[in-house]
Amino acid sequence: MTASQSRSCQPKQLDAGSFQPEISSFRLHLAAEGKAARTVRTYTEAVQWFAAAHLRREPGRAGWGDVSKQDVQRWMAWLLGRYSTAYASNQFRALQQFFKWLAAEDEVPDPVAGLRPPHVPDKPVPVFADGELARLERACAGRSFQQRRDAAIIAVFTATGIRLSELAGIRYDPDDPRRSDIDLWQREITVRGKGRRTRTVKIGHDAARAIDRYLRVRAQHEQAYRHQLWLGVNNRAPMTASGIYQVIARRGRECGVGVFPHRFRHHFSHTWLDRGGAEGDLMELNGWTSPQMLRRYGASARSARARRSYDRIMDDTP
């Protein structure tokens, strides 16, 4: 482990001292706007860390009105020397939202105004190679509870590209359709995305069949009365998002495929665009409200289309 990695593993200092009251108000503001709990925690911890590890060590910083652009720039430089560019950029955007809110609330000068976040270079979007999804499916082949559950999880990820938190939050109630997010006859699943926005996604026949097989064994589970769809093995309680992540990673190791839940989202988006699917429809299915993510996910599909067009246009056959 390098010295940089060792530093990045140390726990964050989050004691903001006299800067805390405004951070607490910012947390209340985010919660009142319906931001996801994870977003609220990420944003507030970023501001707490900035205050605790930088501002409280600087002379003459008695309150937020004393913070300068140079404070933000020095903090970004410190982060970039220890963490990835993407991580530093996320920290910047959290501070940006905080100071924008604070300027509107208390008319405090915004030290982030005019500054740009660290540039994050584009990276190739990881999609599955030929045969990898088939290997994942074969790794779950069988009739046991665990095999059918894992097969259904992978089938839903493949068919929809939904987020890990969205899949973990799917509800099921065989006796009350109003409390169930699954409609196998219509091949639809209702999910709750970022900002608690609800949307309906479609699944194919193969995914519907995989879910149906899982539901039959789920009915024999001691925790079958729970409203969460995904239950643990050996009659354990419902699975968390972390537990589902571990299942996906383990199944990947078993068949030699490097896989994590978000890779299905990349692959779904790439496949949709590569096959000519409408960009607006993909935004709706993926729960995107900004075209920024569409541009990122669409880059790999555009590249694939361009390579195929080369053979068609530049064919040197006489």
C-alpha atoms as a PDB file:
ATOM      1  CA  MET A   1       0.000   0.000   0.000  1.00  0.00           C
ATOM      2  CA  THR A   2       1.359   3.399  -0.983  1.00  0.00           C
ATOM      3  CA  ALA A   3       1.524   6.344   1.387  1.00  0.00           C
ATOM      4  CA  SER A   4      -1.281   7.973  -0.599  1.00  0.00           C
ATOM      5  CA  GLN A   5      -3.484   4.902  -0.243  1.00  0.00           C
ATOM      6  CA  SER A   6      -2.709   4.693   3.475  1.00  0.00           C
ATOM      7  CA  ARG A   7      -3.811   8.285   3.989  1.00  0.00           C
ATOM      8  CA  SER A   8      -7.024   7.722   2.046  1.00  0.00           C
ATOM      9  CA  CYS A   9      -7.909   4.785   4.307  1.00  0.00           C
ATOM     10  CA  GLN A  10      -7.803   6.910   7.454  1.00  0.00           C
ATOM     11  CA  PRO A  11     -11.194   7.882   8.931  1.00  0.00           C
ATOM     12  CA  LYS A  12     -12.487  11.325   8.033  1.00  0.00           C
ATOM     13  CA  GLN A  13     -12.541  14.146  10.561  1.00  0.00           C
ATOM     14  CA  LEU A  14     -16.163  15.280  10.774  1.00  0.00           C
ATOM     15  CA  ASP A  15     -16.199  17.500  13.864  1.00  0.00           C
ATOM     16  CA  ALA A  16     -17.182  20.799  12.234  1.00  0.00           C
ATOM     17  CA  GLY A  17     -17.272  22.708  15.531  1.00  0.00           C
ATOM     18  CA  SER A  18     -18.799  26.185  15.180  1.00  0.00           C
ATOM     19  CA  PHE A  19     -19.514  25.501  11.487  1.00  0.00           C
ATOM     20  CA  GLN A  20     -21.978  22.723  12.324  1.00  0.00           C
ATOM     21  CA  PRO A  21     -25.257  24.703  12.781  1.00  0.00           C
ATOM     22  CA  GLU A  22     -25.409  25.695   9.111  1.00  0.00           C
ATOM     23  CA  ILE A  23     -24.549  22.129   8.075  1.00  0.00           C
ATOM     24  CA  SER A  24     -27.437  20.824  10.154  1.00  0.00           C
ATOM     25  CA  SER A  25     -29.757  23.316   8.466  1.00  0.00           C
ATOM     26  CA  PHE A  26     -28.442  22.214   5.073  1.00  0.00           C
ATOM     27  CA  ARG A  27     -29.206  18.601   5.993  1.00  0.00           C
ATOM     28  CA  LEU A  28     -32.766  19.599   6.873  1.00  0.00           C
ATOM     29  CA  HIS A  29     -33.058  21.457   3.553  1.00  0.00           C
ATOM     30  CA  LEU A  30     -31.933  18.375   1.574  1.00  0.00           C
ATOM     31  CA  ALA A  31     -34.316  16.102   3.458  1.00  0.00           C
ATOM     32  CA  ALA A  32     -37.214  18.522   2.898  1.00  0.00           C
ATOM     33  CA  GLU A  33     -36.476  18.414  -0.849  1.00  0.00           C
ATOM     34  CA  GLY A  34     -36.899  14.647  -0.785  1.00  0.00           C
ATOM     35  CA  LYS A  35     -33.263  13.795  -1.427  1.00  0.00           C
ATOM     36  CA  ALA A  36     -32.308  10.185  -0.848  1.00  0.00           C
ATOM     37  CA  ALA A  37     -30.828   9.409   2.566  1.00  0.00           C
ATOM     38  CA  ARG A  38     -27.530   8.451   0.948  1.00  0.00           C
ATOM     39  CA  THR A  39     -27.382  11.774  -0.914  1.00  0.00           C
ATOM     40  CA  VAL A  40     -28.104  13.712   2.275  1.00  0.00           C
ATOM     41  CA  ARG A  41     -25.351  11.858   4.116  1.00  0.00           C
ATOM     42  CA  THR A  42     -22.830  12.247   1.285  1.00  0.00           C
ATOM     43  CA  TYR A  43     -23.393  15.989   0.896  1.00  0.00           C
ATOM     44  CA  THR A  44     -23.390  16.829   4.595  1.00  0.00           C
ATOM     45  CA  GLU A  45     -20.335  14.699   5.350  1.00  0.00           C
ATOM     46  CA  ALA A  46     -18.447  16.413   2.519  1.00  0.00           C
ATOM     47  CA  VAL A  47     -19.138  19.823   4.079  1.00  0.00           C
ATOM     48  CA  GLN A  48     -18.329  18.580   7.586  1.00  0.00           C
ATOM     49  CA  TRP A  49     -15.041  17.168   6.377  1.00  0.00           C
ATOM     50  CA  PHE A  50     -14.088  20.426   4.661  1.00  0.00           C
ATOM     51  CA  ALA A  51     -14.855  22.360   7.841  1.00  0.00           C
ATOM     52  CA  ALA A  52     -13.158  19.933  10.230  1.00  0.00           C
ATOM     53  CA  ALA A  53     -10.013  19.094   8.249  1.00  0.00           C
ATOM     54  CA  HIS A  54      -9.385  22.477   6.632  1.00  0.00           C
ATOM     55  CA  LEU A  55     -11.336  25.473   7.938  1.00  0.00           C
ATOM     56  CA  ARG A  56     -10.843  24.780  11.655  1.00  0.00           C
ATOM     57  CA  ARG A  57      -7.083  24.617  11.074  1.00  0.00           C
ATOM     58  CA  GLU A  58      -6.922  27.939   9.249  1.00  0.00           C
ATOM     59  CA  PRO A  59      -6.512  31.184  11.239  1.00  0.00           C
ATOM     60  CA  GLY A  60      -9.221  33.771  10.844  1.00  0.00           C
ATOM     61  CA  ARG A  61     -11.980  31.325   9.878  1.00  0.00           C
ATOM     62  CA  ALA A  62     -14.623  32.031  12.514  1.00  0.00           C
ATOM     63  CA  GLY A  63     -17.633  31.386  10.285  1.00  0.00           C
ATOM     64  CA  TRP A  64     -18.762  30.554   6.785  1.00  0.00           C
ATOM     65  CA  GLY A  65     -18.541  34.207   5.730  1.00  0.00           C
ATOM     66  CA  ASP A  66     -14.744  33.990   6.180  1.00  0.00           C
ATOM     67  CA  VAL A  67     -14.311  31.184   3.628  1.00  0.00           C
ATOM     68  CA  SER A  68     -12.527  32.209   0.430  1.00  0.00           C
ATOM     69  CA  LYS A  69     -12.084  30.730  -3.025  1.00  0.00           C
ATOM     70  CA  GLN A  70      -8.510  29.905  -2.046  1.00  0.00           C
ATOM     71  CA  ASP A  71      -9.816  27.741   0.803  1.00  0.00           C
ATOM     72  CA  VAL A  72     -11.844  25.676  -1.649  1.00  0.00           C
ATOM     73  CA  GLN A  73      -8.963  25.474  -4.122  1.00  0.00           C
ATOM     74  CA  ARG A  74      -6.477  24.360  -1.462  1.00  0.00           C
ATOM     75  CA  TRP A  75      -8.962  21.727  -0.254  1.00  0.00           C
ATOM     76  CA  MET A  76      -9.404  20.407  -3.796  1.00  0.00           C
ATOM     77  CA  ALA A  77      -5.629  20.260  -4.274  1.00  0.00           C
ATOM     78  CA  TRP A  78      -5.327  18.284  -1.030  1.00  0.00           C
ATOM     79  CA  LEU A  79      -8.025  15.834  -2.127  1.00  0.00           C
ATOM     80  CA  LEU A  80      -6.507  15.358  -5.580  1.00  0.00           C
ATOM     81  CA  GLY A  81      -3.193  14.434  -3.981  1.00  0.00           C
ATOM     82  CA  ARG A  82      -4.841  11.590  -2.054  1.00  0.00           C
ATOM     83  CA  TYR A  83      -7.975  10.469  -3.891  1.00  0.00           C
ATOM     84  CA  SER A  84      -9.224   9.910  -7.417  1.00  0.00           C
ATOM     85  CA  THR A  85     -10.286  12.793  -9.629  1.00  0.00           C
ATOM     86  CA  ALA A  86     -13.862  11.480  -9.673  1.00  0.00           C
ATOM     87  CA  TYR A  87     -13.998  11.433  -5.865  1.00  0.00           C
ATOM     88  CA  ALA A  88     -12.593  14.967  -5.592  1.00  0.00           C
ATOM     89  CA  SER A  89     -15.117  16.136  -8.187  1.00  0.00           C
ATOM     90  CA  ASN A  90     -17.982  14.688  -6.144  1.00  0.00           C
ATOM     91  CA  GLN A  91     -16.710  16.468  -3.039  1.00  0.00           C
ATOM     92  CA  PHE A  92     -16.552  19.723  -4.985  1.00  0.00           C
ATOM     93  CA  ARG A  93     -20.147  19.376  -6.162  1.00  0.00           C
ATOM     94  CA  ALA A  94     -21.311  18.780  -2.594  1.00  0.00           C
ATOM     95  CA  LEU A  95     -19.596  21.995  -1.462  1.00  0.00           C
ATOM     96  CA  GLN A  96     -21.049  23.765  -4.486  1.00  0.00           C
ATOM     97  CA  GLN A  97     -24.585  22.820  -3.468  1.00  0.00           C
ATOM     98  CA  PHE A  98     -23.979  23.821   0.150  1.00  0.00           C
ATOM     99  CA  PHE A  99     -22.604  27.280  -0.631  1.00  0.00           C
ATOM    100  CA  LYS A 100     -25.298  27.893  -3.228  1.00  0.00           C
ATOM    101  CA  TRP A 101     -27.921  27.128  -0.559  1.00  0.00           C
ATOM    102  CA  LEU A 102     -26.103  29.199   2.076  1.00  0.00           C
ATOM    103  CA  ALA A 103     -25.839  32.216  -0.223  1.00  0.00           C
ATOM    104  CA  ALA A 104     -29.587  32.102  -0.864  1.00  0.00           C
ATOM    105  CA  GLU A 105     -30.441  31.573   2.813  1.00  0.00           C
ATOM    106  CA  ASP A 106     -28.110  33.986   4.602  1.00  0.00           C
ATOM    107  CA  GLU A 107     -26.687  36.105   1.767  1.00  0.00           C
ATOM    108  CA  VAL A 108     -23.207  34.792   2.528  1.00  0.00           C
ATOM    109  CA  PRO A 109     -20.746  35.257  -0.377  1.00  0.00           C
ATOM    110  CA  ASP A 110     -20.385  32.057  -2.397  1.00  0.00           C
ATOM    111  CA  PRO A 111     -16.672  31.117  -2.574  1.00  0.00           C
ATOM    112  CA  VAL A 112     -17.359  28.338  -5.080  1.00  0.00           C
ATOM    113  CA  ALA A 113     -18.998  30.647  -7.638  1.00  0.00           C
ATOM    114  CA  GLY A 114     -16.845  30.806 -10.748  1.00  0.00           C
ATOM    115  CA  LEU A 115     -14.806  27.726  -9.831  1.00  0.00           C
ATOM    116  CA  ARG A 116     -14.927  24.539 -11.863  1.00  0.00           C
ATOM    117  CA  PRO A 117     -14.883  20.982 -10.514  1.00  0.00           C
ATOM    118  CA  PRO A 118     -11.821  18.823 -11.204  1.00  0.00           C
ATOM    119  CA  HIS A 119     -11.996  17.440 -14.717  1.00  0.00           C
ATOM    120  CA  VAL A 120     -12.856  13.749 -14.736  1.00  0.00           C
ATOM    121  CA  PRO A 121     -11.536  12.057 -17.893  1.00  0.00           C
ATOM    122  CA  ASP A 122     -13.974   9.836 -19.722  1.00  0.00           C
ATOM    123  CA  LYS A 123     -13.439   6.128 -19.213  1.00  0.00           C
ATOM    124  CA  PRO A 124     -14.733   3.352 -21.456  1.00  0.00           C
ATOM    125  CA  VAL A 125     -18.095   2.116 -20.214  1.00  0.00           C
ATOM    126  CA  PRO A 126     -17.686  -1.536 -19.137  1.00  0.00           C
ATOM    127  CA  VAL A 127     -20.098  -3.829 -20.946  1.00  0.00           C
ATOM    128  CA  PHE A 128     -20.272  -7.611 -20.982  1.00  0.00           C
ATOM    129  CA  ALA A 129     -18.275  -9.486 -23.586  1.00  0.00           C
ATOM    130  CA  ASP A 130     -19.803 -12.234 -25.688  1.00  0.00           C
ATOM    131  CA  GLY A 131     -20.711 -15.225 -23.548  1.00  0.00           C
ATOM    132  CA  GLU A 132     -20.229 -13.595 -20.141  1.00  0.00           C
ATOM    133  CA  LEU A 133     -23.932 -13.204 -19.373  1.00  0.00           C
ATOM    134  CA  ALA A 134     -24.526 -16.815 -20.406  1.00  0.00           C
ATOM    135  CA  ARG A 135     -21.803 -17.940 -17.995  1.00  0.00           C
ATOM    136  CA  LEU A 136     -23.433 -15.968 -15.172  1.00  0.00           C
ATOM    137  CA  GLU A 137     -26.763 -17.595 -15.923  1.00  0.00           C
ATOM    138  CA  ARG A 138     -25.209 -21.080 -15.929  1.00  0.00           C
ATOM    139  CA  ALA A 139     -23.559 -20.346 -12.565  1.00  0.00           C
ATOM    140  CA  CYS A 140     -27.076 -20.078 -11.074  1.00  0.00           C
ATOM    141  CA  ALA A 141     -28.569 -23.103 -12.822  1.00  0.00           C
ATOM    142  CA  GLY A 142     -30.524 -25.385 -10.501  1.00  0.00           C
ATOM    143  CA  ARG A 143     -33.727 -25.742  -8.492  1.00  0.00           C
ATOM    144  CA  SER A 144     -32.612 -24.726  -5.001  1.00  0.00           C
ATOM    145  CA  PHE A 145     -33.903 -21.558  -3.346  1.00  0.00           C
ATOM    146  CA  GLN A 146     -30.532 -19.858  -3.639  1.00  0.00           C
ATOM    147  CA  GLN A 147     -30.032 -20.810  -7.280  1.00  0.00           C
ATOM    148  CA  ARG A 148     -33.473 -19.635  -8.352  1.00  0.00           C
ATOM    149  CA  ARG A 149     -33.190 -16.430  -6.356  1.00  0.00           C
ATOM    150  CA  ASP A 150     -29.789 -15.554  -7.788  1.00  0.00           C
ATOM    151  CA  ALA A 151     -30.931 -16.450 -11.302  1.00  0.00           C
ATOM    152  CA  ALA A 152     -33.911 -14.110 -10.909  1.00  0.00           C
ATOM    153  CA  ILE A 153     -31.730 -11.281  -9.604  1.00  0.00           C
ATOM    154  CA  ILE A 154     -29.367 -11.569 -12.560  1.00  0.00           C
ATOM    155  CA  ALA A 155     -32.283 -11.849 -14.999  1.00  0.00           C
ATOM    156  CA  VAL A 156     -33.887  -8.649 -13.673  1.00  0.00           C
ATOM    157  CA  PHE A 157     -30.598  -6.745 -13.750  1.00  0.00           C
ATOM    158  CA  THR A 158     -29.985  -7.900 -17.326  1.00  0.00           C
ATOM    159  CA  ALA A 159     -33.498  -7.100 -18.547  1.00  0.00           C
ATOM    160  CA  THR A 160     -33.824  -3.660 -16.939  1.00  0.00           C
ATOM    161  CA  GLY A 161     -30.465  -2.175 -15.981  1.00  0.00           C
ATOM    162  CA  ILE A 162     -32.056  -0.777 -12.812  1.00  0.00           C
ATOM    163  CA  ARG A 163     -29.918   0.494  -9.957  1.00  0.00           C
ATOM    164  CA  LEU A 164     -28.880  -1.781  -7.090  1.00  0.00           C
ATOM    165  CA  SER A 165     -30.941   0.215  -4.581  1.00  0.00           C
ATOM    166  CA  GLU A 166     -33.968   0.000  -6.875  1.00  0.00           C
ATOM    167  CA  LEU A 167     -33.715  -3.762  -7.192  1.00  0.00           C
ATOM    168  CA  ALA A 168     -33.231  -4.175  -3.434  1.00  0.00           C
ATOM    169  CA  GLY A 169     -36.373  -2.111  -2.805  1.00  0.00           C
ATOM    170  CA  ILE A 170     -38.774  -4.172  -4.943  1.00  0.00           C
ATOM    171  CA  ARG A 171     -41.839  -5.234  -2.919  1.00  0.00           C
ATOM    172  CA  TYR A 172     -43.955  -8.371  -3.313  1.00  0.00           C
ATOM    173  CA  ASP A 173     -47.344  -9.258  -1.907  1.00  0.00           C
ATOM    174  CA  PRO A 174     -49.186 -12.127  -3.626  1.00  0.00           C
ATOM    175  CA  ASP A 175     -52.463 -11.205  -1.921  1.00  0.00           C
ATOM    176  CA  ASP A 176     -52.544  -7.451  -2.539  1.00  0.00           C
ATOM    177  CA  PRO A 177     -51.471  -6.115  -5.962  1.00  0.00           C
ATOM    178  CA  ARG A 178     -51.461  -2.582  -4.536  1.00  0.00           C
ATOM    179  CA  ARG A 179     -48.561  -3.530  -2.269  1.00  0.00           C
ATOM    180  CA  SER A 180     -46.678  -5.459  -4.934  1.00  0.00           C
ATOM    181  CA  ASP A 181     -44.273  -3.945  -7.441  1.00  0.00           C
ATOM    182  CA  ILE A 182     -44.342  -6.935  -9.784  1.00  0.00           C
ATOM    183  CA  ASP A 183     -46.832  -7.663 -12.553  1.00  0.00           C
ATOM    184  CA  LEU A 184     -45.656 -10.783 -14.353  1.00  0.00           C
ATOM    185  CA  TRP A 185     -48.598 -10.836 -16.782  1.00  0.00           C
ATOM    186  CA  GLN A 186     -47.762  -7.345 -18.011  1.00  0.00           C
ATOM    187  CA  ARG A 187     -44.048  -8.024 -17.530  1.00  0.00           C
ATOM    188  CA  GLU A 188     -43.605  -4.816 -15.544  1.00  0.00           C
ATOM    189  CA  ILE A 189     -41.802  -3.853 -12.332  1.00  0.00           C
ATOM    190  CA  THR A 190     -42.335  -0.625 -10.399  1.00  0.00           C
ATOM    191  CA  VAL A 191     -39.178   0.796  -8.850  1.00  0.00           C
ATOM    192  CA  ARG A 192     -38.366   3.812  -6.699  1.00  0.00           C
ATOM    193  CA  GLY A 193     -35.341   5.715  -7.950  1.00  0.00           C
ATOM    194  CA  LYS A 194     -33.381   8.771  -6.941  1.00  0.00           C
ATOM    195  CA  GLY A 195     -35.385  11.513  -5.325  1.00  0.00           C
ATOM    196  CA  ARG A 196     -38.009   8.866  -4.465  1.00  0.00           C
ATOM    197  CA  ARG A 197     -39.306   9.083  -8.026  1.00  0.00           C
ATOM    198  CA  THR A 198     -41.386   6.068  -9.041  1.00  0.00           C
ATOM    199  CA  ARG A 199     -41.265   4.591 -12.534  1.00  0.00           C
ATOM    200  CA  THR A 200     -42.262   1.370 -14.269  1.00  0.00           C
ATOM    201  CA  VAL A 201     -39.786  -0.732 -16.242  1.00  0.00           C
ATOM    202  CA  LYS A 202     -40.420  -3.622 -18.589  1.00  0.00           C
ATOM    203  CA  ILE A 203     -38.891  -7.093 -18.461  1.00  0.00           C
ATOM    204  CA  GLY A 204     -38.672  -9.779 -21.106  1.00  0.00           C
ATOM    205  CA  HIS A 205     -40.266 -13.212 -21.047  1.00  0.00           C
ATOM    206  CA  ASP A 206     -37.065 -14.871 -19.814  1.00  0.00           C
ATOM    207  CA  ALA A 207     -36.850 -12.536 -16.820  1.00  0.00           C
ATOM    208  CA  ALA A 208     -40.557 -13.029 -16.047  1.00  0.00           C
ATOM    209  CA  ARG A 209     -40.038 -16.786 -16.111  1.00  0.00           C
ATOM    210  CA  ALA A 210     -37.006 -16.534 -13.797  1.00  0.00           C
ATOM    211  CA  ILE A 211     -38.990 -14.431 -11.295  1.00  0.00           C
ATOM    212  CA  ASP A 212     -41.907 -16.860 -11.436  1.00  0.00           C
ATOM    213  CA  ARG A 213     -39.600 -19.782 -10.648  1.00  0.00           C
ATOM    214  CA  TYR A 214     -38.162 -17.858  -7.707  1.00  0.00           C
ATOM    215  CA  LEU A 215     -41.606 -16.939  -6.366  1.00  0.00           C
ATOM    216  CA  ARG A 216     -42.610 -20.598  -6.238  1.00  0.00           C
ATOM    217  CA  VAL A 217     -39.696 -21.499  -3.957  1.00  0.00           C
ATOM    218  CA  ARG A 218     -40.025 -18.215  -2.061  1.00  0.00           C
ATOM    219  CA  ALA A 219     -43.535 -19.243  -0.991  1.00  0.00           C
ATOM    220  CA  GLN A 220     -41.975 -22.026   1.152  1.00  0.00           C
ATOM    221  CA  HIS A 221     -39.610 -19.606   2.933  1.00  0.00           C
ATOM    222  CA  GLU A 222     -40.252 -18.879   6.641  1.00  0.00           C
ATOM    223  CA  GLN A 223     -39.975 -15.150   5.863  1.00  0.00           C
ATOM    224  CA  ALA A 224     -42.369 -15.308   2.894  1.00  0.00           C
ATOM    225  CA  TYR A 225     -44.759 -12.929   4.681  1.00  0.00           C
ATOM    226  CA  ARG A 226     -42.220 -10.106   4.347  1.00  0.00           C
ATOM    227  CA  HIS A 227     -43.011  -7.479   1.723  1.00  0.00           C
ATOM    228  CA  GLN A 228     -39.416  -7.393   0.430  1.00  0.00           C
ATOM    229  CA  LEU A 229     -39.046  -9.541  -2.687  1.00  0.00           C
ATOM    230  CA  TRP A 230     -35.523 -10.861  -2.116  1.00  0.00           C
ATOM    231  CA  LEU A 231     -35.098 -13.128   0.922  1.00  0.00           C
ATOM    232  CA  GLY A 232     -31.965 -14.593   2.474  1.00  0.00           C
ATOM    233  CA  VAL A 233     -30.938 -18.240   2.316  1.00  0.00           C
ATOM    234  CA  ASN A 234     -31.672 -20.658   5.156  1.00  0.00           C
ATOM    235  CA  ASN A 235     -34.878 -18.766   6.024  1.00  0.00           C
ATOM    236  CA  ARG A 236     -32.999 -15.591   6.817  1.00  0.00           C
ATOM    237  CA  ALA A 237     -34.430 -12.076   6.698  1.00  0.00           C
ATOM    238  CA  PRO A 238     -34.723 -10.007   3.484  1.00  0.00           C
ATOM    239  CA  MET A 239     -31.571  -9.092   1.628  1.00  0.00           C
ATOM    240  CA  THR A 240     -30.011  -5.642   1.776  1.00  0.00           C
ATOM    241  CA  ALA A 241     -28.426  -3.870  -1.181  1.00  0.00           C
ATOM    242  CA  SER A 242     -25.031  -4.874   0.223  1.00  0.00           C
ATOM    243  CA  GLY A 243     -26.090  -8.518   0.352  1.00  0.00           C
ATOM    244  CA  ILE A 244     -27.250  -8.445  -3.271  1.00  0.00           C
ATOM    245  CA  TYR A 245     -23.941  -6.862  -4.294  1.00  0.00           C
ATOM    246  CA  GLN A 246     -22.069  -9.702  -2.602  1.00  0.00           C
ATOM    247  CA  VAL A 247     -24.229 -12.302  -4.369  1.00  0.00           C
ATOM    248  CA  ILE A 248     -23.467 -10.797  -7.776  1.00  0.00           C
ATOM    249  CA  ALA A 249     -19.736 -10.596  -7.054  1.00  0.00           C
ATOM    250  CA  ARG A 250     -19.658 -14.199  -5.784  1.00  0.00           C
ATOM    251  CA  ARG A 251     -21.511 -15.570  -8.804  1.00  0.00           C
ATOM    252  CA  GLY A 252     -19.061 -13.704 -11.014  1.00  0.00           C
ATOM    253  CA  ARG A 253     -16.077 -15.257  -9.256  1.00  0.00           C
ATOM    254  CA  GLU A 254     -17.590 -18.706  -9.645  1.00  0.00           C
ATOM    255  CA  CYS A 255     -17.698 -18.400 -13.434  1.00  0.00           C
ATOM    256  CA  GLY A 256     -14.686 -16.141 -13.984  1.00  0.00           C
ATOM    257  CA  VAL A 257     -16.601 -12.967 -14.870  1.00  0.00           C
ATOM    258  CA  GLY A 258     -15.673  -9.662 -13.277  1.00  0.00           C
ATOM    259  CA  VAL A 259     -19.087  -8.280 -12.410  1.00  0.00           C
ATOM    260  CA  PHE A 260     -20.749  -5.720 -10.150  1.00  0.00           C
ATOM    261  CA  PRO A 261     -24.391  -4.597 -10.204  1.00  0.00           C
ATOM    262  CA  HIS A 262     -23.813  -1.313 -12.027  1.00  0.00           C
ATOM    263  CA  ARG A 263     -22.178  -3.137 -14.921  1.00  0.00           C
ATOM    264  CA  PHE A 264     -25.629  -4.442 -15.896  1.00  0.00           C
ATOM    265  CA  ARG A 265     -26.825  -0.828 -16.157  1.00  0.00           C
ATOM    266  CA  HIS A 266     -23.969   0.034 -18.494  1.00  0.00           C
ATOM    267  CA  HIS A 267     -24.624  -3.043 -20.594  1.00  0.00           C
ATOM    268  CA  PHE A 268     -28.382  -2.459 -20.797  1.00  0.00           C
ATOM    269  CA  SER A 269     -27.888   1.145 -21.911  1.00  0.00           C
ATOM    270  CA  HIS A 270     -25.231   0.222 -24.455  1.00  0.00           C
ATOM    271  CA  THR A 271     -27.365  -2.578 -25.913  1.00  0.00           C
ATOM    272  CA  TRP A 272     -30.466  -0.356 -26.134  1.00  0.00           C
ATOM    273  CA  LEU A 273     -28.656   2.380 -28.044  1.00  0.00           C
ATOM    274  CA  ASP A 274     -26.575  -0.016 -30.142  1.00  0.00           C
ATOM    275  CA  ARG A 275     -29.775  -1.663 -31.396  1.00  0.00           C
ATOM    276  CA  GLY A 276     -31.279   1.686 -32.360  1.00  0.00           C
ATOM    277  CA  GLY A 277     -33.465   2.316 -29.306  1.00  0.00           C
ATOM    278  CA  ALA A 278     -34.687   5.901 -28.850  1.00  0.00           C
ATOM    279  CA  GLU A 279     -32.598   8.022 -26.481  1.00  0.00           C
ATOM    280  CA  GLY A 280     -35.686   9.552 -24.871  1.00  0.00           C
ATOM    281  CA  ASP A 281     -37.075   6.101 -24.108  1.00  0.00           C
ATOM    282  CA  LEU A 282     -33.791   5.080 -22.500  1.00  0.00           C
ATOM    283  CA  MET A 283     -33.841   8.164 -20.281  1.00  0.00           C
ATOM    284  CA  GLU A 284     -37.336   7.195 -19.115  1.00  0.00           C
ATOM    285  CA  LEU A 285     -36.444   3.551 -18.502  1.00  0.00           C
ATOM    286  CA  ASN A 286     -33.267   4.441 -16.607  1.00  0.00           C
ATOM    287  CA  GLY A 287     -34.853   7.214 -14.572  1.00  0.00           C
ATOM    288  CA  TRP A 288     -32.567   9.946 -15.893  1.00  0.00           C
ATOM    289  CA  THR A 289     -33.723  13.555 -15.764  1.00  0.00           C
ATOM    290  CA  SER A 290     -30.610  15.001 -17.416  1.00  0.00           C
ATOM    291  CA  PRO A 291     -29.064  14.118 -20.810  1.00  0.00           C
ATOM    292  CA  GLN A 292     -25.610  14.149 -19.206  1.00  0.00           C
ATOM    293  CA  MET A 293     -25.744  10.450 -18.348  1.00  0.00           C
ATOM    294  CA  LEU A 294     -27.179   9.661 -21.771  1.00  0.00           C
ATOM    295  CA  ARG A 295     -24.120  11.208 -23.438  1.00  0.00           C
ATOM    296  CA  ARG A 296     -21.792   9.172 -21.250  1.00  0.00           C
ATOM    297  CA  TYR A 297     -23.564   5.856 -21.743  1.00  0.00           C
ATOM    298  CA  GLY A 298     -24.149   6.528 -25.438  1.00  0.00           C
ATOM    299  CA  ALA A 299     -20.466   7.011 -26.246  1.00  0.00           C
ATOM    300  CA  SER A 300     -19.671   3.296 -26.403  1.00  0.00           C
ATOM    301  CA  ALA A 301     -22.696   2.611 -28.601  1.00  0.00           C
ATOM    302  CA  ARG A 302     -21.706   5.384 -30.999  1.00  0.00           C
ATOM    303  CA  SER A 303     -18.213   3.934 -31.192  1.00  0.00           C
ATOM    304  CA  ALA A 304     -19.560   0.459 -32.000  1.00  0.00           C
ATOM    305  CA  ARG A 305     -21.865   1.848 -34.697  1.00  0.00           C
ATOM    306  CA  ALA A 306     -18.986   3.807 -36.226  1.00  0.00           C
ATOM    307  CA  ARG A 307     -16.807   0.689 -36.472  1.00  0.00           C
ATOM    308  CA  ARG A 308     -19.598  -1.233 -38.172  1.00  0.00           C
ATOM    309  CA  SER A 309     -20.181   1.653 -40.569  1.00  0.00           C
ATOM    310  CA  TYR A 310     -16.508   1.587 -41.522  1.00  0.00           C
ATOM    311  CA  ASP A 311     -16.795  -1.913 -42.950  1.00  0.00           C
ATOM    312  CA  ARG A 312     -19.929  -0.931 -44.861  1.00  0.00           C
ATOM    313  CA  ILE A 313     -18.614   2.362 -46.230  1.00  0.00           C
ATOM    314  CA  MET A 314     -14.926   1.563 -46.722  1.00  0.00           C
ATOM    315  CA  ASP A 315     -15.408  -1.923 -48.155  1.00  0.00           C
ATOM    316  CA  ASP A 316     -12.478  -2.380 -50.528  1.00  0.00           C
ATOM    317  CA  THR A 317     -14.089  -5.239 -52.425  1.00  0.00           C
ATOM    318  CA  PRO A 318     -13.918  -4.406 -56.175  1.00  0.00           C
END
